[in-house]
Every structure is written in structure tokens, then in C-alpha cells.
Amino acid sequence: IEHLQDAYIRTIFPTIVALFLFVFSVTS
């Protein structure tokens, strides 16, 4: 259960943020 917090903090959130950054950078 403690490990599953990493699914959000270290996987889901950073991955979505990175995709937004990728699109924003290339578009700019």
C-alpha cells in the first residue's frame, strides 16, 4: 500500500507533466 503511493507521485503525475512539457516545448 505504501508502495502504491509511488504510482501517483513518481509515475502518473511526472509522466503527464512530462508529456505537457514535451508538447509545449516543441510547439513553442
mmCIF file of all heavy atoms, coordinates in Angstrom:
data_MODEL
# 
_entry.id   MODEL 
# 
loop_
_atom_site.group_PDB 
_atom_site.id 
_atom_site.type_symbol 
_atom_site.label_atom_id 
_atom_site.label_alt_id 
_atom_site.label_comp_id 
_atom_site.label_asym_id 
_atom_site.label_entity_id 
_atom_site.label_seq_id 
_atom_site.pdbx_PDB_ins_code 
_atom_site.Cartn_x 
_atom_site.Cartn_y 
_atom_site.Cartn_z 
_atom_site.occupancy 
_atom_site.B_iso_or_equiv 
_atom_site.pdbx_formal_charge 
_atom_site.auth_seq_id 
_atom_site.auth_comp_id 
_atom_site.auth_asym_id 
_atom_site.auth_atom_id 
_atom_site.pdbx_PDB_model_num 
ATOM 1   N N   . ILE A 1 1  ? 0.839  -1.203 0.000   1.00 0.00 ? 1  ILE A N   1 
ATOM 2   C CA  . ILE A 1 1  ? 0.000  0.000  0.000   1.00 0.00 ? 1  ILE A CA  1 
ATOM 3   C C   . ILE A 1 1  ? 0.875  1.253  0.000   1.00 0.00 ? 1  ILE A C   1 
ATOM 4   O O   . ILE A 1 1  ? 0.597  2.214  -0.721  1.00 0.00 ? 1  ILE A O   1 
ATOM 5   C CB  . ILE A 1 1  ? -0.950 -0.010 1.216   1.00 0.00 ? 1  ILE A CB  1 
ATOM 6   C CG1 . ILE A 1 1  ? -2.040 -1.065 0.979   1.00 0.00 ? 1  ILE A CG1 1 
ATOM 7   C CG2 . ILE A 1 1  ? -1.592 1.354  1.424   1.00 0.00 ? 1  ILE A CG2 1 
ATOM 8   C CD1 . ILE A 1 1  ? -3.091 -1.119 2.044   1.00 0.00 ? 1  ILE A CD1 1 
ATOM 9   N N   . GLU A 1 2  ? 1.947  1.244  0.827   1.00 0.00 ? 2  GLU A N   1 
ATOM 10  C CA  . GLU A 1 2  ? 2.858  2.383  0.814   1.00 0.00 ? 2  GLU A CA  1 
ATOM 11  C C   . GLU A 1 2  ? 3.497  2.546  -0.558  1.00 0.00 ? 2  GLU A C   1 
ATOM 12  O O   . GLU A 1 2  ? 3.688  3.653  -1.045  1.00 0.00 ? 2  GLU A O   1 
ATOM 13  C CB  . GLU A 1 2  ? 3.952  2.189  1.874   1.00 0.00 ? 2  GLU A CB  1 
ATOM 14  C CG  . GLU A 1 2  ? 3.447  2.254  3.309   1.00 0.00 ? 2  GLU A CG  1 
ATOM 15  C CD  . GLU A 1 2  ? 2.967  3.643  3.688   1.00 0.00 ? 2  GLU A CD  1 
ATOM 16  O OE1 . GLU A 1 2  ? 3.437  4.626  3.085   1.00 0.00 ? 2  GLU A OE1 1 
ATOM 17  O OE2 . GLU A 1 2  ? 2.103  3.745  4.568   1.00 0.00 ? 2  GLU A OE2 1 
ATOM 18  N N   . HIS A 1 3  ? 3.794  1.410  -1.188  1.00 0.00 ? 3  HIS A N   1 
ATOM 19  C CA  . HIS A 1 3  ? 4.450  1.445  -2.491  1.00 0.00 ? 3  HIS A CA  1 
ATOM 20  C C   . HIS A 1 3  ? 3.544  2.046  -3.559  1.00 0.00 ? 3  HIS A C   1 
ATOM 21  O O   . HIS A 1 3  ? 4.016  2.679  -4.505  1.00 0.00 ? 3  HIS A O   1 
ATOM 22  C CB  . HIS A 1 3  ? 4.848  0.019  -2.885  1.00 0.00 ? 3  HIS A CB  1 
ATOM 23  C CG  . HIS A 1 3  ? 5.660  -0.063 -4.137  1.00 0.00 ? 3  HIS A CG  1 
ATOM 24  N ND1 . HIS A 1 3  ? 5.201  -0.639 -5.293  1.00 0.00 ? 3  HIS A ND1 1 
ATOM 25  C CD2 . HIS A 1 3  ? 6.907  0.393  -4.432  1.00 0.00 ? 3  HIS A CD2 1 
ATOM 26  C CE1 . HIS A 1 3  ? 6.119  -0.555 -6.241  1.00 0.00 ? 3  HIS A CE1 1 
ATOM 27  N NE2 . HIS A 1 3  ? 7.158  0.050  -5.741  1.00 0.00 ? 3  HIS A NE2 1 
ATOM 28  N N   . LEU A 1 4  ? 2.228  1.865  -3.405  1.00 0.00 ? 4  LEU A N   1 
ATOM 29  C CA  . LEU A 1 4  ? 1.298  2.345  -4.423  1.00 0.00 ? 4  LEU A CA  1 
ATOM 30  C C   . LEU A 1 4  ? 1.202  3.868  -4.462  1.00 0.00 ? 4  LEU A C   1 
ATOM 31  O O   . LEU A 1 4  ? 0.697  4.421  -5.434  1.00 0.00 ? 4  LEU A O   1 
ATOM 32  C CB  . LEU A 1 4  ? -0.093 1.731  -4.203  1.00 0.00 ? 4  LEU A CB  1 
ATOM 33  C CG  . LEU A 1 4  ? -0.189 0.243  -4.540  1.00 0.00 ? 4  LEU A CG  1 
ATOM 34  C CD1 . LEU A 1 4  ? -1.562 -0.291 -4.200  1.00 0.00 ? 4  LEU A CD1 1 
ATOM 35  C CD2 . LEU A 1 4  ? 0.130  -0.006 -6.004  1.00 0.00 ? 4  LEU A CD2 1 
ATOM 36  N N   . GLN A 1 5  ? 1.667  4.531  -3.383  1.00 0.00 ? 5  GLN A N   1 
ATOM 37  C CA  . GLN A 1 5  ? 1.682  5.992  -3.458  1.00 0.00 ? 5  GLN A CA  1 
ATOM 38  C C   . GLN A 1 5  ? 2.657  6.460  -4.540  1.00 0.00 ? 5  GLN A C   1 
ATOM 39  O O   . GLN A 1 5  ? 2.463  7.520  -5.145  1.00 0.00 ? 5  GLN A O   1 
ATOM 40  C CB  . GLN A 1 5  ? 2.059  6.596  -2.115  1.00 0.00 ? 5  GLN A CB  1 
ATOM 41  C CG  . GLN A 1 5  ? 3.504  6.379  -1.687  1.00 0.00 ? 5  GLN A CG  1 
ATOM 42  C CD  . GLN A 1 5  ? 3.797  7.016  -0.348  1.00 0.00 ? 5  GLN A CD  1 
ATOM 43  O OE1 . GLN A 1 5  ? 3.161  7.983  0.032   1.00 0.00 ? 5  GLN A OE1 1 
ATOM 44  N NE2 . GLN A 1 5  ? 4.755  6.464  0.374   1.00 0.00 ? 5  GLN A NE2 1 
ATOM 45  N N   . ASP A 1 6  ? 3.696  5.648  -4.804  1.00 0.00 ? 6  ASP A N   1 
ATOM 46  C CA  . ASP A 1 6  ? 4.649  5.993  -5.851  1.00 0.00 ? 6  ASP A CA  1 
ATOM 47  C C   . ASP A 1 6  ? 4.000  5.949  -7.233  1.00 0.00 ? 6  ASP A C   1 
ATOM 48  O O   . ASP A 1 6  ? 4.472  6.612  -8.166  1.00 0.00 ? 6  ASP A O   1 
ATOM 49  C CB  . ASP A 1 6  ? 5.843  5.035  -5.827  1.00 0.00 ? 6  ASP A CB  1 
ATOM 50  C CG  . ASP A 1 6  ? 6.685  5.207  -4.571  1.00 0.00 ? 6  ASP A CG  1 
ATOM 51  O OD1 . ASP A 1 6  ? 6.523  6.244  -3.904  1.00 0.00 ? 6  ASP A OD1 1 
ATOM 52  O OD2 . ASP A 1 6  ? 7.483  4.305  -4.251  1.00 0.00 ? 6  ASP A OD2 1 
ATOM 53  N N   . ALA A 1 7  ? 2.930  5.152  -7.377  1.00 0.00 ? 7  ALA A N   1 
ATOM 54  C CA  . ALA A 1 7  ? 2.249  5.090  -8.667  1.00 0.00 ? 7  ALA A CA  1 
ATOM 55  C C   . ALA A 1 7  ? 1.735  6.466  -9.073  1.00 0.00 ? 7  ALA A C   1 
ATOM 56  O O   . ALA A 1 7  ? 1.711  6.804  -10.258 1.00 0.00 ? 7  ALA A O   1 
ATOM 57  C CB  . ALA A 1 7  ? 1.084  4.099  -8.597  1.00 0.00 ? 7  ALA A CB  1 
ATOM 58  N N   . TYR A 1 8  ? 1.351  7.260  -8.092  1.00 0.00 ? 8  TYR A N   1 
ATOM 59  C CA  . TYR A 1 8  ? 0.866  8.612  -8.384  1.00 0.00 ? 8  TYR A CA  1 
ATOM 60  C C   . TYR A 1 8  ? 2.018  9.618  -8.367  1.00 0.00 ? 8  TYR A C   1 
ATOM 61  O O   . TYR A 1 8  ? 2.205  10.374 -9.328  1.00 0.00 ? 8  TYR A O   1 
ATOM 62  C CB  . TYR A 1 8  ? -0.184 9.033  -7.344  1.00 0.00 ? 8  TYR A CB  1 
ATOM 63  C CG  . TYR A 1 8  ? -1.398 8.136  -7.324  1.00 0.00 ? 8  TYR A CG  1 
ATOM 64  C CD1 . TYR A 1 8  ? -1.488 7.072  -6.445  1.00 0.00 ? 8  TYR A CD1 1 
ATOM 65  C CD2 . TYR A 1 8  ? -2.453 8.355  -8.205  1.00 0.00 ? 8  TYR A CD2 1 
ATOM 66  C CE1 . TYR A 1 8  ? -2.606 6.245  -6.440  1.00 0.00 ? 8  TYR A CE1 1 
ATOM 67  C CE2 . TYR A 1 8  ? -3.575 7.541  -8.196  1.00 0.00 ? 8  TYR A CE2 1 
ATOM 68  C CZ  . TYR A 1 8  ? -3.643 6.481  -7.313  1.00 0.00 ? 8  TYR A CZ  1 
ATOM 69  O OH  . TYR A 1 8  ? -4.738 5.672  -7.309  1.00 0.00 ? 8  TYR A OH  1 
ATOM 70  N N   . ILE A 1 9  ? 2.796  9.628  -7.280  1.00 0.00 ? 9  ILE A N   1 
ATOM 71  C CA  . ILE A 1 9  ? 3.812  10.665 -7.082  1.00 0.00 ? 9  ILE A CA  1 
ATOM 72  C C   . ILE A 1 9  ? 4.970  10.516 -8.055  1.00 0.00 ? 9  ILE A C   1 
ATOM 73  O O   . ILE A 1 9  ? 5.495  11.515 -8.569  1.00 0.00 ? 9  ILE A O   1 
ATOM 74  C CB  . ILE A 1 9  ? 4.327  10.628 -5.628  1.00 0.00 ? 9  ILE A CB  1 
ATOM 75  C CG1 . ILE A 1 9  ? 3.189  11.031 -4.680  1.00 0.00 ? 9  ILE A CG1 1 
ATOM 76  C CG2 . ILE A 1 9  ? 5.515  11.557 -5.446  1.00 0.00 ? 9  ILE A CG2 1 
ATOM 77  C CD1 . ILE A 1 9  ? 3.561  10.929 -3.217  1.00 0.00 ? 9  ILE A CD1 1 
ATOM 78  N N   . ARG A 1 10 ? 5.379  9.265  -8.345  1.00 0.00 ? 10 ARG A N   1 
ATOM 79  C CA  . ARG A 1 10 ? 6.579  9.055  -9.154  1.00 0.00 ? 10 ARG A CA  1 
ATOM 80  C C   . ARG A 1 10 ? 6.312  8.533  -10.559 1.00 0.00 ? 10 ARG A C   1 
ATOM 81  O O   . ARG A 1 10 ? 7.250  8.376  -11.336 1.00 0.00 ? 10 ARG A O   1 
ATOM 82  C CB  . ARG A 1 10 ? 7.529  8.091  -8.432  1.00 0.00 ? 10 ARG A CB  1 
ATOM 83  C CG  . ARG A 1 10 ? 8.018  8.633  -7.106  1.00 0.00 ? 10 ARG A CG  1 
ATOM 84  C CD  . ARG A 1 10 ? 9.046  7.721  -6.493  1.00 0.00 ? 10 ARG A CD  1 
ATOM 85  N NE  . ARG A 1 10 ? 9.530  8.227  -5.207  1.00 0.00 ? 10 ARG A NE  1 
ATOM 86  C CZ  . ARG A 1 10 ? 10.425 7.616  -4.446  1.00 0.00 ? 10 ARG A CZ  1 
ATOM 87  N NH1 . ARG A 1 10 ? 10.940 6.468  -4.842  1.00 0.00 ? 10 ARG A NH1 1 
ATOM 88  N NH2 . ARG A 1 10 ? 10.789 8.137  -3.292  1.00 0.00 ? 10 ARG A NH2 1 
ATOM 89  N N   . THR A 1 11 ? 5.066  8.216  -10.855 1.00 0.00 ? 11 THR A N   1 
ATOM 90  C CA  . THR A 1 11 ? 4.777  7.695  -12.190 1.00 0.00 ? 11 THR A CA  1 
ATOM 91  C C   . THR A 1 11 ? 3.694  8.499  -12.904 1.00 0.00 ? 11 THR A C   1 
ATOM 92  O O   . THR A 1 11 ? 3.953  9.103  -13.948 1.00 0.00 ? 11 THR A O   1 
ATOM 93  C CB  . THR A 1 11 ? 4.366  6.206  -12.115 1.00 0.00 ? 11 THR A CB  1 
ATOM 94  O OG1 . THR A 1 11 ? 5.452  5.449  -11.573 1.00 0.00 ? 11 THR A OG1 1 
ATOM 95  C CG2 . THR A 1 11 ? 4.034  5.657  -13.495 1.00 0.00 ? 11 THR A CG2 1 
ATOM 96  N N   . ILE A 1 12 ? 2.484  8.525  -12.363 1.00 0.00 ? 12 ILE A N   1 
ATOM 97  C CA  . ILE A 1 12 ? 1.370  9.161  -13.070 1.00 0.00 ? 12 ILE A CA  1 
ATOM 98  C C   . ILE A 1 12 ? 1.588  10.661 -13.214 1.00 0.00 ? 12 ILE A C   1 
ATOM 99  O O   . ILE A 1 12 ? 1.550  11.209 -14.330 1.00 0.00 ? 12 ILE A O   1 
ATOM 100 C CB  . ILE A 1 12 ? 0.041  8.859  -12.345 1.00 0.00 ? 12 ILE A CB  1 
ATOM 101 C CG1 . ILE A 1 12 ? -0.269 7.363  -12.403 1.00 0.00 ? 12 ILE A CG1 1 
ATOM 102 C CG2 . ILE A 1 12 ? -1.104 9.666  -12.984 1.00 0.00 ? 12 ILE A CG2 1 
ATOM 103 C CD1 . ILE A 1 12 ? -1.513 6.957  -11.642 1.00 0.00 ? 12 ILE A CD1 1 
ATOM 104 N N   . PHE A 1 13 ? 1.835  11.353 -12.091 1.00 0.00 ? 13 PHE A N   1 
ATOM 105 C CA  . PHE A 1 13 ? 1.997  12.813 -12.153 1.00 0.00 ? 13 PHE A CA  1 
ATOM 106 C C   . PHE A 1 13 ? 3.200  13.227 -13.003 1.00 0.00 ? 13 PHE A C   1 
ATOM 107 O O   . PHE A 1 13 ? 3.051  14.056 -13.913 1.00 0.00 ? 13 PHE A O   1 
ATOM 108 C CB  . PHE A 1 13 ? 2.118  13.400 -10.744 1.00 0.00 ? 13 PHE A CB  1 
ATOM 109 C CG  . PHE A 1 13 ? 0.883  13.215 -9.890  1.00 0.00 ? 13 PHE A CG  1 
ATOM 110 C CD1 . PHE A 1 13 ? 0.961  13.238 -8.513  1.00 0.00 ? 13 PHE A CD1 1 
ATOM 111 C CD2 . PHE A 1 13 ? -0.362 13.021 -10.477 1.00 0.00 ? 13 PHE A CD2 1 
ATOM 112 C CE1 . PHE A 1 13 ? -0.169 13.065 -7.729  1.00 0.00 ? 13 PHE A CE1 1 
ATOM 113 C CE2 . PHE A 1 13 ? -1.502 12.855 -9.701  1.00 0.00 ? 13 PHE A CE2 1 
ATOM 114 C CZ  . PHE A 1 13 ? -1.405 12.874 -8.327  1.00 0.00 ? 13 PHE A CZ  1 
ATOM 115 N N   . PRO A 1 14 ? 4.407  12.681 -12.759 1.00 0.00 ? 14 PRO A N   1 
ATOM 116 C CA  . PRO A 1 14 ? 5.566  13.113 -13.569 1.00 0.00 ? 14 PRO A CA  1 
ATOM 117 C C   . PRO A 1 14 ? 5.408  12.804 -15.056 1.00 0.00 ? 14 PRO A C   1 
ATOM 118 O O   . PRO A 1 14 ? 5.858  13.587 -15.900 1.00 0.00 ? 14 PRO A O   1 
ATOM 119 C CB  . PRO A 1 14 ? 6.743  12.324 -12.964 1.00 0.00 ? 14 PRO A CB  1 
ATOM 120 C CG  . PRO A 1 14 ? 6.304  11.951 -11.597 1.00 0.00 ? 14 PRO A CG  1 
ATOM 121 C CD  . PRO A 1 14 ? 4.833  11.745 -11.690 1.00 0.00 ? 14 PRO A CD  1 
ATOM 122 N N   . THR A 1 15 ? 4.782  11.668 -15.382 1.00 0.00 ? 15 THR A N   1 
ATOM 123 C CA  . THR A 1 15 ? 4.628  11.305 -16.791 1.00 0.00 ? 15 THR A CA  1 
ATOM 124 C C   . THR A 1 15 ? 3.700  12.272 -17.514 1.00 0.00 ? 15 THR A C   1 
ATOM 125 O O   . THR A 1 15 ? 3.990  12.729 -18.632 1.00 0.00 ? 15 THR A O   1 
ATOM 126 C CB  . THR A 1 15 ? 4.092  9.865  -16.912 1.00 0.00 ? 15 THR A CB  1 
ATOM 127 O OG1 . THR A 1 15 ? 4.994  8.968  -16.253 1.00 0.00 ? 15 THR A OG1 1 
ATOM 128 C CG2 . THR A 1 15 ? 3.956  9.467  -18.372 1.00 0.00 ? 15 THR A CG2 1 
ATOM 129 N N   . ILE A 1 16 ? 2.578  12.609 -16.880 1.00 0.00 ? 16 ILE A N   1 
ATOM 130 C CA  . ILE A 1 16 ? 1.634  13.553 -17.511 1.00 0.00 ? 16 ILE A CA  1 
ATOM 131 C C   . ILE A 1 16 ? 2.273  14.930 -17.649 1.00 0.00 ? 16 ILE A C   1 
ATOM 132 O O   . ILE A 1 16 ? 2.145  15.592 -18.679 1.00 0.00 ? 16 ILE A O   1 
ATOM 133 C CB  . ILE A 1 16 ? 0.328  13.626 -16.701 1.00 0.00 ? 16 ILE A CB  1 
ATOM 134 C CG1 . ILE A 1 16 ? -0.380 12.266 -16.716 1.00 0.00 ? 16 ILE A CG1 1 
ATOM 135 C CG2 . ILE A 1 16 ? -0.600 14.697 -17.268 1.00 0.00 ? 16 ILE A CG2 1 
ATOM 136 C CD1 . ILE A 1 16 ? -1.618 12.210 -15.857 1.00 0.00 ? 16 ILE A CD1 1 
ATOM 137 N N   . VAL A 1 17 ? 2.975  15.369 -16.596 1.00 0.00 ? 17 VAL A N   1 
ATOM 138 C CA  . VAL A 1 17 ? 3.654  16.670 -16.651 1.00 0.00 ? 17 VAL A CA  1 
ATOM 139 C C   . VAL A 1 17 ? 4.690  16.674 -17.774 1.00 0.00 ? 17 VAL A C   1 
ATOM 140 O O   . VAL A 1 17 ? 4.810  17.660 -18.521 1.00 0.00 ? 17 VAL A O   1 
ATOM 141 C CB  . VAL A 1 17 ? 4.315  16.993 -15.294 1.00 0.00 ? 17 VAL A CB  1 
ATOM 142 C CG1 . VAL A 1 17 ? 5.241  18.196 -15.418 1.00 0.00 ? 17 VAL A CG1 1 
ATOM 143 C CG2 . VAL A 1 17 ? 3.255  17.262 -14.229 1.00 0.00 ? 17 VAL A CG2 1 
ATOM 144 N N   . ALA A 1 18 ? 5.439  15.579 -17.911 1.00 0.00 ? 18 ALA A N   1 
ATOM 145 C CA  . ALA A 1 18 ? 6.459  15.490 -18.968 1.00 0.00 ? 18 ALA A CA  1 
ATOM 146 C C   . ALA A 1 18 ? 5.831  15.566 -20.357 1.00 0.00 ? 18 ALA A C   1 
ATOM 147 O O   . ALA A 1 18 ? 6.387  16.213 -21.261 1.00 0.00 ? 18 ALA A O   1 
ATOM 148 C CB  . ALA A 1 18 ? 7.254  14.195 -18.812 1.00 0.00 ? 18 ALA A CB  1 
ATOM 149 N N   . LEU A 1 19 ? 4.689  14.923 -20.533 1.00 0.00 ? 19 LEU A N   1 
ATOM 150 C CA  . LEU A 1 19 ? 4.014  14.989 -21.838 1.00 0.00 ? 19 LEU A CA  1 
ATOM 151 C C   . LEU A 1 19 ? 3.581  16.419 -22.164 1.00 0.00 ? 19 LEU A C   1 
ATOM 152 O O   . LEU A 1 19 ? 3.723  16.878 -23.301 1.00 0.00 ? 19 LEU A O   1 
ATOM 153 C CB  . LEU A 1 19 ? 2.809  14.044 -21.845 1.00 0.00 ? 19 LEU A CB  1 
ATOM 154 C CG  . LEU A 1 19 ? 3.130  12.540 -21.822 1.00 0.00 ? 19 LEU A CG  1 
ATOM 155 C CD1 . LEU A 1 19 ? 1.855  11.717 -21.686 1.00 0.00 ? 19 LEU A CD1 1 
ATOM 156 C CD2 . LEU A 1 19 ? 3.900  12.135 -23.071 1.00 0.00 ? 19 LEU A CD2 1 
ATOM 157 N N   . PHE A 1 20 ? 3.045  17.118 -21.164 1.00 0.00 ? 20 PHE A N   1 
ATOM 158 C CA  . PHE A 1 20 ? 2.675  18.523 -21.368 1.00 0.00 ? 20 PHE A CA  1 
ATOM 159 C C   . PHE A 1 20 ? 3.905  19.358 -21.716 1.00 0.00 ? 20 PHE A C   1 
ATOM 160 O O   . PHE A 1 20 ? 3.864  20.219 -22.606 1.00 0.00 ? 20 PHE A O   1 
ATOM 161 C CB  . PHE A 1 20 ? 1.993  19.083 -20.118 1.00 0.00 ? 20 PHE A CB  1 
ATOM 162 C CG  . PHE A 1 20 ? 0.522  18.804 -20.059 1.00 0.00 ? 20 PHE A CG  1 
ATOM 163 C CD1 . PHE A 1 20 ? 0.004  17.947 -19.121 1.00 0.00 ? 20 PHE A CD1 1 
ATOM 164 C CD2 . PHE A 1 20 ? -0.355 19.400 -20.964 1.00 0.00 ? 20 PHE A CD2 1 
ATOM 165 C CE1 . PHE A 1 20 ? -1.351 17.677 -19.058 1.00 0.00 ? 20 PHE A CE1 1 
ATOM 166 C CE2 . PHE A 1 20 ? -1.713 19.139 -20.913 1.00 0.00 ? 20 PHE A CE2 1 
ATOM 167 C CZ  . PHE A 1 20 ? -2.228 18.279 -19.953 1.00 0.00 ? 20 PHE A CZ  1 
ATOM 168 N N   . LEU A 1 21 ? 5.014  19.124 -21.007 1.00 0.00 ? 21 LEU A N   1 
ATOM 169 C CA  . LEU A 1 21 ? 6.248  19.859 -21.275 1.00 0.00 ? 21 LEU A CA  1 
ATOM 170 C C   . LEU A 1 21 ? 6.749  19.588 -22.693 1.00 0.00 ? 21 LEU A C   1 
ATOM 171 O O   . LEU A 1 21 ? 7.207  20.499 -23.395 1.00 0.00 ? 21 LEU A O   1 
ATOM 172 C CB  . LEU A 1 21 ? 7.329  19.460 -20.267 1.00 0.00 ? 21 LEU A CB  1 
ATOM 173 C CG  . LEU A 1 21 ? 7.361  20.192 -18.941 1.00 0.00 ? 21 LEU A CG  1 
ATOM 174 C CD1 . LEU A 1 21 ? 8.439  19.598 -18.045 1.00 0.00 ? 21 LEU A CD1 1 
ATOM 175 C CD2 . LEU A 1 21 ? 7.623  21.683 -19.146 1.00 0.00 ? 21 LEU A CD2 1 
ATOM 176 N N   . PHE A 1 22 ? 6.680  18.328 -23.099 1.00 0.00 ? 22 PHE A N   1 
ATOM 177 C CA  . PHE A 1 22 ? 7.125  17.943 -24.432 1.00 0.00 ? 22 PHE A CA  1 
ATOM 178 C C   . PHE A 1 22 ? 6.322  18.690 -25.503 1.00 0.00 ? 22 PHE A C   1 
ATOM 179 O O   . PHE A 1 22 ? 6.892  19.308 -26.415 1.00 0.00 ? 22 PHE A O   1 
ATOM 180 C CB  . PHE A 1 22 ? 6.972  16.434 -24.598 1.00 0.00 ? 22 PHE A CB  1 
ATOM 181 C CG  . PHE A 1 22 ? 7.250  15.935 -25.985 1.00 0.00 ? 22 PHE A CG  1 
ATOM 182 C CD1 . PHE A 1 22 ? 8.552  15.780 -26.431 1.00 0.00 ? 22 PHE A CD1 1 
ATOM 183 C CD2 . PHE A 1 22 ? 6.209  15.619 -26.853 1.00 0.00 ? 22 PHE A CD2 1 
ATOM 184 C CE1 . PHE A 1 22 ? 8.817  15.321 -27.710 1.00 0.00 ? 22 PHE A CE1 1 
ATOM 185 C CE2 . PHE A 1 22 ? 6.458  15.148 -28.136 1.00 0.00 ? 22 PHE A CE2 1 
ATOM 186 C CZ  . PHE A 1 22 ? 7.764  15.011 -28.560 1.00 0.00 ? 22 PHE A CZ  1 
ATOM 187 N N   . VAL A 1 23 ? 4.991  18.642 -25.376 1.00 0.00 ? 23 VAL A N   1 
ATOM 188 C CA  . VAL A 1 23 ? 4.133  19.311 -26.356 1.00 0.00 ? 23 VAL A CA  1 
ATOM 189 C C   . VAL A 1 23 ? 4.370  20.822 -26.342 1.00 0.00 ? 23 VAL A C   1 
ATOM 190 O O   . VAL A 1 23 ? 4.487  21.467 -27.396 1.00 0.00 ? 23 VAL A O   1 
ATOM 191 C CB  . VAL A 1 23 ? 2.647  18.984 -26.077 1.00 0.00 ? 23 VAL A CB  1 
ATOM 192 C CG1 . VAL A 1 23 ? 1.737  19.817 -26.983 1.00 0.00 ? 23 VAL A CG1 1 
ATOM 193 C CG2 . VAL A 1 23 ? 2.383  17.500 -26.264 1.00 0.00 ? 23 VAL A CG2 1 
ATOM 194 N N   . PHE A 1 24 ? 4.463  21.401 -25.136 1.00 0.00 ? 24 PHE A N   1 
ATOM 195 C CA  . PHE A 1 24 ? 4.667  22.845 -25.015 1.00 0.00 ? 24 PHE A CA  1 
ATOM 196 C C   . PHE A 1 24 ? 6.002  23.271 -25.634 1.00 0.00 ? 24 PHE A C   1 
ATOM 197 O O   . PHE A 1 24 ? 6.071  24.284 -26.356 1.00 0.00 ? 24 PHE A O   1 
ATOM 198 C CB  . PHE A 1 24 ? 4.617  23.248 -23.537 1.00 0.00 ? 24 PHE A CB  1 
ATOM 199 C CG  . PHE A 1 24 ? 4.926  24.689 -23.288 1.00 0.00 ? 24 PHE A CG  1 
ATOM 200 C CD1 . PHE A 1 24 ? 3.964  25.681 -23.488 1.00 0.00 ? 24 PHE A CD1 1 
ATOM 201 C CD2 . PHE A 1 24 ? 6.190  25.085 -22.844 1.00 0.00 ? 24 PHE A CD2 1 
ATOM 202 C CE1 . PHE A 1 24 ? 4.251  27.011 -23.267 1.00 0.00 ? 24 PHE A CE1 1 
ATOM 203 C CE2 . PHE A 1 24 ? 6.486  26.415 -22.613 1.00 0.00 ? 24 PHE A CE2 1 
ATOM 204 C CZ  . PHE A 1 24 ? 5.514  27.387 -22.826 1.00 0.00 ? 24 PHE A CZ  1 
ATOM 205 N N   . SER A 1 25 ? 7.058  22.526 -25.369 1.00 0.00 ? 25 SER A N   1 
ATOM 206 C CA  . SER A 1 25 ? 8.393  22.882 -25.854 1.00 0.00 ? 25 SER A CA  1 
ATOM 207 C C   . SER A 1 25 ? 8.465  22.812 -27.374 1.00 0.00 ? 25 SER A C   1 
ATOM 208 O O   . SER A 1 25 ? 8.957  23.743 -28.040 1.00 0.00 ? 25 SER A O   1 
ATOM 209 C CB  . SER A 1 25 ? 9.439  21.951 -25.244 1.00 0.00 ? 25 SER A CB  1 
ATOM 210 O OG  . SER A 1 25 ? 9.384  21.984 -23.831 1.00 0.00 ? 25 SER A OG  1 
ATOM 211 N N   . VAL A 1 26 ? 7.972  21.699 -27.927 1.00 0.00 ? 26 VAL A N   1 
ATOM 212 C CA  . VAL A 1 26 ? 8.035  21.514 -29.378 1.00 0.00 ? 26 VAL A CA  1 
ATOM 213 C C   . VAL A 1 26 ? 7.163  22.552 -30.081 1.00 0.00 ? 26 VAL A C   1 
ATOM 214 O O   . VAL A 1 26 ? 7.557  23.146 -31.099 1.00 0.00 ? 26 VAL A O   1 
ATOM 215 C CB  . VAL A 1 26 ? 7.606  20.087 -29.752 1.00 0.00 ? 26 VAL A CB  1 
ATOM 216 C CG1 . VAL A 1 26 ? 7.518  19.934 -31.276 1.00 0.00 ? 26 VAL A CG1 1 
ATOM 217 C CG2 . VAL A 1 26 ? 8.593  19.070 -29.180 1.00 0.00 ? 26 VAL A CG2 1 
ATOM 218 N N   . THR A 1 27 ? 5.966  22.800 -29.527 1.00 0.00 ? 27 THR A N   1 
ATOM 219 C CA  . THR A 1 27 ? 5.062  23.793 -30.129 1.00 0.00 ? 27 THR A CA  1 
ATOM 220 C C   . THR A 1 27 ? 5.672  25.188 -30.090 1.00 0.00 ? 27 THR A C   1 
ATOM 221 O O   . THR A 1 27 ? 5.608  25.942 -31.083 1.00 0.00 ? 27 THR A O   1 
ATOM 222 C CB  . THR A 1 27 ? 3.706  23.792 -29.392 1.00 0.00 ? 27 THR A CB  1 
ATOM 223 O OG1 . THR A 1 27 ? 3.153  22.475 -29.425 1.00 0.00 ? 27 THR A OG1 1 
ATOM 224 C CG2 . THR A 1 27 ? 2.742  24.770 -30.043 1.00 0.00 ? 27 THR A CG2 1 
ATOM 225 N N   . SER A 1 28 ? 6.269  25.561 -28.964 1.00 0.00 ? 28 SER A N   1 
ATOM 226 C CA  . SER A 1 28 ? 6.882  26.891 -28.833 1.00 0.00 ? 28 SER A CA  1 
ATOM 227 C C   . SER A 1 28 ? 8.039  27.056 -29.799 1.00 0.00 ? 28 SER A C   1 
ATOM 228 O O   . SER A 1 28 ? 8.204  28.106 -30.440 1.00 0.00 ? 28 SER A O   1 
ATOM 229 C CB  . SER A 1 28 ? 7.361  27.101 -27.391 1.00 0.00 ? 28 SER A CB  1 
ATOM 230 O OG  . SER A 1 28 ? 6.291  27.013 -26.482 1.00 0.00 ? 28 SER A OG  1 
# 
